[in-house]
Amino acid sequence: MFRFLNSKKLRITSLMLVLFAVSKMSFAQFDYEFWMPPIWQTGDSQQNAPSELFITTPFPTPVNVHVQTPDGTTFVFDGTVTSGTPLSIPLSTTLGQTNLYNTVISNNGLIVTASRPIQCVHKVSAFYNQTLVTLKGNNGRGTEFWCGSQTINNA
């Protein structure tokens, strides 16, 4: 029995398990559906502009992407993304951000769906307040969310 522990077969089996685990982790941020709650902003929207949604995919064939606000009417976008050609969707400061707290907001935030797995990142490219927030798909399901933000904004 102890010969098996030192055998080549055990090392190969261990290597296969590690490679399988690493391959699963490398696609952890890819999903078919993402939800972006409104990102907190202090009220001075110029410190949080420009803002964009950045979408990528590992697939070389076109992947259909649909982006909308929770109400389905304030903002609707349909497009495609392919590997090596990321999709950048410019957002207004009122579309993806809010300074309201403890309030249910149905016309802000975004829902992103795709025909194949994609990765979504919300990017703020302001001079003083740059952020990158990776959106979560099924891994981020829940009933309560915290807004991603920087609490001090004294530029």
C-alpha atoms as a PDB file:
ATOM      1  CA  MET A   1       0.000   0.000   0.000  1.00  0.00           C
ATOM      2  CA  PHE A   2       2.766   2.457   0.835  1.00  0.00           C
ATOM      3  CA  ARG A   3       4.407   1.812  -2.520  1.00  0.00           C
ATOM      4  CA  PHE A   4       1.405   3.437  -4.180  1.00  0.00           C
ATOM      5  CA  LEU A   5       1.996   6.659  -2.216  1.00  0.00           C
ATOM      6  CA  ASN A   6       5.442   7.023  -3.763  1.00  0.00           C
ATOM      7  CA  SER A   7       4.500   5.792  -7.190  1.00  0.00           C
ATOM      8  CA  LYS A   8       4.518   7.610 -10.468  1.00  0.00           C
ATOM      9  CA  LYS A   9       0.788   6.923 -10.752  1.00  0.00           C
ATOM     10  CA  LEU A  10       0.076   8.998  -7.617  1.00  0.00           C
ATOM     11  CA  ARG A  11       2.181  11.904  -8.870  1.00  0.00           C
ATOM     12  CA  ILE A  12       0.386  11.891 -12.222  1.00  0.00           C
ATOM     13  CA  THR A  13      -3.012  11.706 -10.524  1.00  0.00           C
ATOM     14  CA  SER A  14      -2.071  14.597  -8.216  1.00  0.00           C
ATOM     15  CA  LEU A  15      -0.849  16.663 -11.143  1.00  0.00           C
ATOM     16  CA  MET A  16      -4.097  16.052 -13.034  1.00  0.00           C
ATOM     17  CA  LEU A  17      -6.156  17.180 -10.022  1.00  0.00           C
ATOM     18  CA  VAL A  18      -4.092  20.363  -9.640  1.00  0.00           C
ATOM     19  CA  LEU A  19      -4.388  21.176 -13.343  1.00  0.00           C
ATOM     20  CA  PHE A  20      -8.148  20.602 -13.232  1.00  0.00           C
ATOM     21  CA  ALA A  21      -8.507  22.907 -10.210  1.00  0.00           C
ATOM     22  CA  VAL A  22      -6.400  25.644 -11.844  1.00  0.00           C
ATOM     23  CA  SER A  23      -8.419  25.460 -15.065  1.00  0.00           C
ATOM     24  CA  LYS A  24     -11.659  25.874 -13.094  1.00  0.00           C
ATOM     25  CA  MET A  25     -10.271  28.883 -11.189  1.00  0.00           C
ATOM     26  CA  SER A  26      -9.146  30.603 -14.385  1.00  0.00           C
ATOM     27  CA  PHE A  27     -12.776  30.823 -15.533  1.00  0.00           C
ATOM     28  CA  ALA A  28     -14.221  31.859 -12.162  1.00  0.00           C
ATOM     29  CA  GLN A  29     -14.972  35.416 -13.350  1.00  0.00           C
ATOM     30  CA  PHE A  30     -16.717  34.279 -16.550  1.00  0.00           C
ATOM     31  CA  ASP A  31     -20.492  33.818 -16.569  1.00  0.00           C
ATOM     32  CA  TYR A  32     -23.639  34.293 -18.670  1.00  0.00           C
ATOM     33  CA  GLU A  33     -25.314  36.873 -16.429  1.00  0.00           C
ATOM     34  CA  PHE A  34     -24.030  39.719 -14.240  1.00  0.00           C
ATOM     35  CA  TRP A  35     -25.638  42.275 -11.942  1.00  0.00           C
ATOM     36  CA  MET A  36     -24.079  45.632 -11.155  1.00  0.00           C
ATOM     37  CA  PRO A  37     -25.659  47.530  -8.286  1.00  0.00           C
ATOM     38  CA  PRO A  38     -25.384  51.330  -8.518  1.00  0.00           C
ATOM     39  CA  ILE A  39     -21.868  52.432  -7.525  1.00  0.00           C
ATOM     40  CA  TRP A  40     -21.734  55.103  -4.802  1.00  0.00           C
ATOM     41  CA  GLN A  41     -20.688  58.602  -5.795  1.00  0.00           C
ATOM     42  CA  THR A  42     -20.431  61.653  -3.563  1.00  0.00           C
ATOM     43  CA  GLY A  43     -22.590  64.006  -5.609  1.00  0.00           C
ATOM     44  CA  ASP A  44     -19.685  65.577  -7.530  1.00  0.00           C
ATOM     45  CA  SER A  45     -20.132  63.417 -10.610  1.00  0.00           C
ATOM     46  CA  GLN A  46     -17.173  64.965 -12.438  1.00  0.00           C
ATOM     47  CA  GLN A  47     -14.853  63.161 -10.013  1.00  0.00           C
ATOM     48  CA  ASN A  48     -16.379  59.851 -11.149  1.00  0.00           C
ATOM     49  CA  ALA A  49     -16.354  60.409 -14.912  1.00  0.00           C
ATOM     50  CA  PRO A  50     -15.778  58.953 -17.411  1.00  0.00           C
ATOM     51  CA  SER A  51     -17.298  55.617 -16.528  1.00  0.00           C
ATOM     52  CA  GLU A  52     -17.655  52.542 -18.735  1.00  0.00           C
ATOM     53  CA  LEU A  53     -18.572  48.879 -18.756  1.00  0.00           C
ATOM     54  CA  PHE A  54     -15.723  46.767 -20.156  1.00  0.00           C
ATOM     55  CA  ILE A  55     -16.674  43.295 -21.486  1.00  0.00           C
ATOM     56  CA  THR A  56     -14.373  40.501 -22.682  1.00  0.00           C
ATOM     57  CA  THR A  57     -14.706  36.842 -23.660  1.00  0.00           C
ATOM     58  CA  PRO A  58     -12.293  33.976 -24.343  1.00  0.00           C
ATOM     59  CA  PHE A  59     -14.292  32.842 -27.404  1.00  0.00           C
ATOM     60  CA  PRO A  60     -13.086  33.715 -30.954  1.00  0.00           C
ATOM     61  CA  THR A  61     -16.630  33.674 -32.394  1.00  0.00           C
ATOM     62  CA  PRO A  62     -19.002  36.590 -31.700  1.00  0.00           C
ATOM     63  CA  VAL A  63     -20.849  36.462 -28.375  1.00  0.00           C
ATOM     64  CA  ASN A  64     -24.161  38.340 -28.144  1.00  0.00           C
ATOM     65  CA  VAL A  65     -24.341  40.749 -25.198  1.00  0.00           C
ATOM     66  CA  HIS A  66     -27.438  42.484 -23.790  1.00  0.00           C
ATOM     67  CA  VAL A  67     -27.156  45.249 -21.163  1.00  0.00           C
ATOM     68  CA  GLN A  68     -30.109  46.954 -19.489  1.00  0.00           C
ATOM     69  CA  THR A  69     -31.179  48.740 -16.326  1.00  0.00           C
ATOM     70  CA  PRO A  70     -33.417  46.732 -13.961  1.00  0.00           C
ATOM     71  CA  ASP A  71     -36.515  48.566 -15.253  1.00  0.00           C
ATOM     72  CA  GLY A  72     -35.648  47.514 -18.838  1.00  0.00           C
ATOM     73  CA  THR A  73     -36.330  50.980 -20.281  1.00  0.00           C
ATOM     74  CA  THR A  74     -33.858  53.581 -18.934  1.00  0.00           C
ATOM     75  CA  PHE A  75     -30.900  51.982 -20.745  1.00  0.00           C
ATOM     76  CA  VAL A  76     -30.809  49.101 -23.231  1.00  0.00           C
ATOM     77  CA  PHE A  77     -27.758  48.018 -25.274  1.00  0.00           C
ATOM     78  CA  ASP A  78     -27.276  45.054 -27.620  1.00  0.00           C
ATOM     79  CA  GLY A  79     -23.908  44.201 -29.156  1.00  0.00           C
ATOM     80  CA  THR A  80     -21.279  41.508 -29.681  1.00  0.00           C
ATOM     81  CA  VAL A  81     -17.834  40.805 -28.272  1.00  0.00           C
ATOM     82  CA  THR A  82     -15.070  38.454 -29.465  1.00  0.00           C
ATOM     83  CA  SER A  83     -11.766  37.333 -27.996  1.00  0.00           C
ATOM     84  CA  GLY A  84      -9.093  39.982 -28.538  1.00  0.00           C
ATOM     85  CA  THR A  85     -11.669  42.716 -29.236  1.00  0.00           C
ATOM     86  CA  PRO A  86     -13.136  43.903 -25.914  1.00  0.00           C
ATOM     87  CA  LEU A  87     -16.443  45.753 -25.867  1.00  0.00           C
ATOM     88  CA  SER A  88     -16.466  49.142 -24.138  1.00  0.00           C
ATOM     89  CA  ILE A  89     -19.848  50.708 -23.307  1.00  0.00           C
ATOM     90  CA  PRO A  90     -19.658  54.350 -22.118  1.00  0.00           C
ATOM     91  CA  LEU A  91     -21.897  55.102 -19.137  1.00  0.00           C
ATOM     92  CA  SER A  92     -23.183  58.403 -17.829  1.00  0.00           C
ATOM     93  CA  THR A  93     -22.520  59.239 -14.184  1.00  0.00           C
ATOM     94  CA  THR A  94     -26.250  59.038 -13.491  1.00  0.00           C
ATOM     95  CA  LEU A  95     -26.595  55.593 -15.103  1.00  0.00           C
ATOM     96  CA  GLY A  96     -24.154  53.475 -13.113  1.00  0.00           C
ATOM     97  CA  GLN A  97     -23.729  55.573  -9.985  1.00  0.00           C
ATOM     98  CA  THR A  98     -25.876  57.020  -7.206  1.00  0.00           C
ATOM     99  CA  ASN A  99     -25.660  59.117  -4.063  1.00  0.00           C
ATOM    100  CA  LEU A 100     -28.937  57.771  -2.630  1.00  0.00           C
ATOM    101  CA  TYR A 101     -28.664  55.343   0.272  1.00  0.00           C
ATOM    102  CA  ASN A 102     -31.230  53.030   1.886  1.00  0.00           C
ATOM    103  CA  THR A 103     -33.355  53.420  -1.237  1.00  0.00           C
ATOM    104  CA  VAL A 104     -34.568  50.832  -3.740  1.00  0.00           C
ATOM    105  CA  ILE A 105     -33.511  52.046  -7.185  1.00  0.00           C
ATOM    106  CA  SER A 106     -35.053  50.397 -10.259  1.00  0.00           C
ATOM    107  CA  ASN A 107     -33.700  52.671 -13.011  1.00  0.00           C
ATOM    108  CA  ASN A 108     -30.022  52.475 -12.078  1.00  0.00           C
ATOM    109  CA  GLY A 109     -27.432  49.715 -11.933  1.00  0.00           C
ATOM    110  CA  LEU A 110     -27.105  47.205 -14.780  1.00  0.00           C
ATOM    111  CA  ILE A 111     -28.033  43.651 -15.728  1.00  0.00           C
ATOM    112  CA  VAL A 112     -25.725  42.077 -18.328  1.00  0.00           C
ATOM    113  CA  THR A 113     -26.572  38.830 -20.148  1.00  0.00           C
ATOM    114  CA  ALA A 114     -24.668  36.982 -22.872  1.00  0.00           C
ATOM    115  CA  SER A 115     -25.048  33.973 -25.170  1.00  0.00           C
ATOM    116  CA  ARG A 116     -21.696  32.533 -23.957  1.00  0.00           C
ATOM    117  CA  PRO A 117     -19.525  33.229 -20.896  1.00  0.00           C
ATOM    118  CA  ILE A 118     -18.127  36.766 -20.644  1.00  0.00           C
ATOM    119  CA  GLN A 119     -16.282  38.851 -18.067  1.00  0.00           C
ATOM    120  CA  CYS A 120     -17.574  42.315 -17.052  1.00  0.00           C
ATOM    121  CA  VAL A 121     -15.666  45.110 -15.364  1.00  0.00           C
ATOM    122  CA  HIS A 122     -17.034  48.532 -14.341  1.00  0.00           C
ATOM    123  CA  LYS A 123     -14.281  51.094 -14.909  1.00  0.00           C
ATOM    124  CA  VAL A 124     -14.104  54.680 -13.671  1.00  0.00           C
ATOM    125  CA  SER A 125     -11.280  56.565 -15.424  1.00  0.00           C
ATOM    126  CA  ALA A 126     -11.520  59.884 -13.569  1.00  0.00           C
ATOM    127  CA  PHE A 127      -8.282  61.726 -12.899  1.00  0.00           C
ATOM    128  CA  TYR A 128      -8.472  61.499  -9.082  1.00  0.00           C
ATOM    129  CA  ASN A 129     -10.863  58.613  -8.482  1.00  0.00           C
ATOM    130  CA  GLN A 130     -10.025  55.636 -10.713  1.00  0.00           C
ATOM    131  CA  THR A 131     -11.590  52.262  -9.916  1.00  0.00           C
ATOM    132  CA  LEU A 132     -12.025  48.836 -11.471  1.00  0.00           C
ATOM    133  CA  VAL A 133     -14.819  46.647 -10.098  1.00  0.00           C
ATOM    134  CA  THR A 134     -15.215  43.118 -11.469  1.00  0.00           C
ATOM    135  CA  LEU A 135     -18.900  42.257 -11.682  1.00  0.00           C
ATOM    136  CA  LYS A 136     -20.042  38.949 -10.243  1.00  0.00           C
ATOM    137  CA  GLY A 137     -22.454  36.511 -11.858  1.00  0.00           C
ATOM    138  CA  ASN A 138     -23.863  33.527  -9.991  1.00  0.00           C
ATOM    139  CA  ASN A 139     -21.022  33.852  -7.468  1.00  0.00           C
ATOM    140  CA  GLY A 140     -22.459  37.195  -6.373  1.00  0.00           C
ATOM    141  CA  ARG A 141     -26.059  36.188  -5.828  1.00  0.00           C
ATOM    142  CA  GLY A 142     -27.650  37.564  -2.721  1.00  0.00           C
ATOM    143  CA  THR A 143     -30.375  39.766  -1.325  1.00  0.00           C
ATOM    144  CA  GLU A 144     -28.239  42.558   0.154  1.00  0.00           C
ATOM    145  CA  PHE A 145     -25.295  44.333  -1.472  1.00  0.00           C
ATOM    146  CA  TRP A 146     -22.714  46.864  -0.451  1.00  0.00           C
ATOM    147  CA  CYS A 147     -21.818  49.583  -2.956  1.00  0.00           C
ATOM    148  CA  GLY A 148     -18.196  49.658  -4.049  1.00  0.00           C
ATOM    149  CA  SER A 149     -16.756  53.107  -3.346  1.00  0.00           C
ATOM    150  CA  GLN A 150     -14.001  55.242  -1.967  1.00  0.00           C
ATOM    151  CA  THR A 151     -15.289  57.040   1.104  1.00  0.00           C
ATOM    152  CA  ILE A 152     -12.986  60.086   0.989  1.00  0.00           C
ATOM    153  CA  ASN A 153     -13.157  62.170  -2.165  1.00  0.00           C
ATOM    154  CA  ASN A 154     -11.398  65.465  -1.422  1.00  0.00           C
ATOM    155  CA  ALA A 155      -9.801  66.349  -4.739  1.00  0.00           C
END
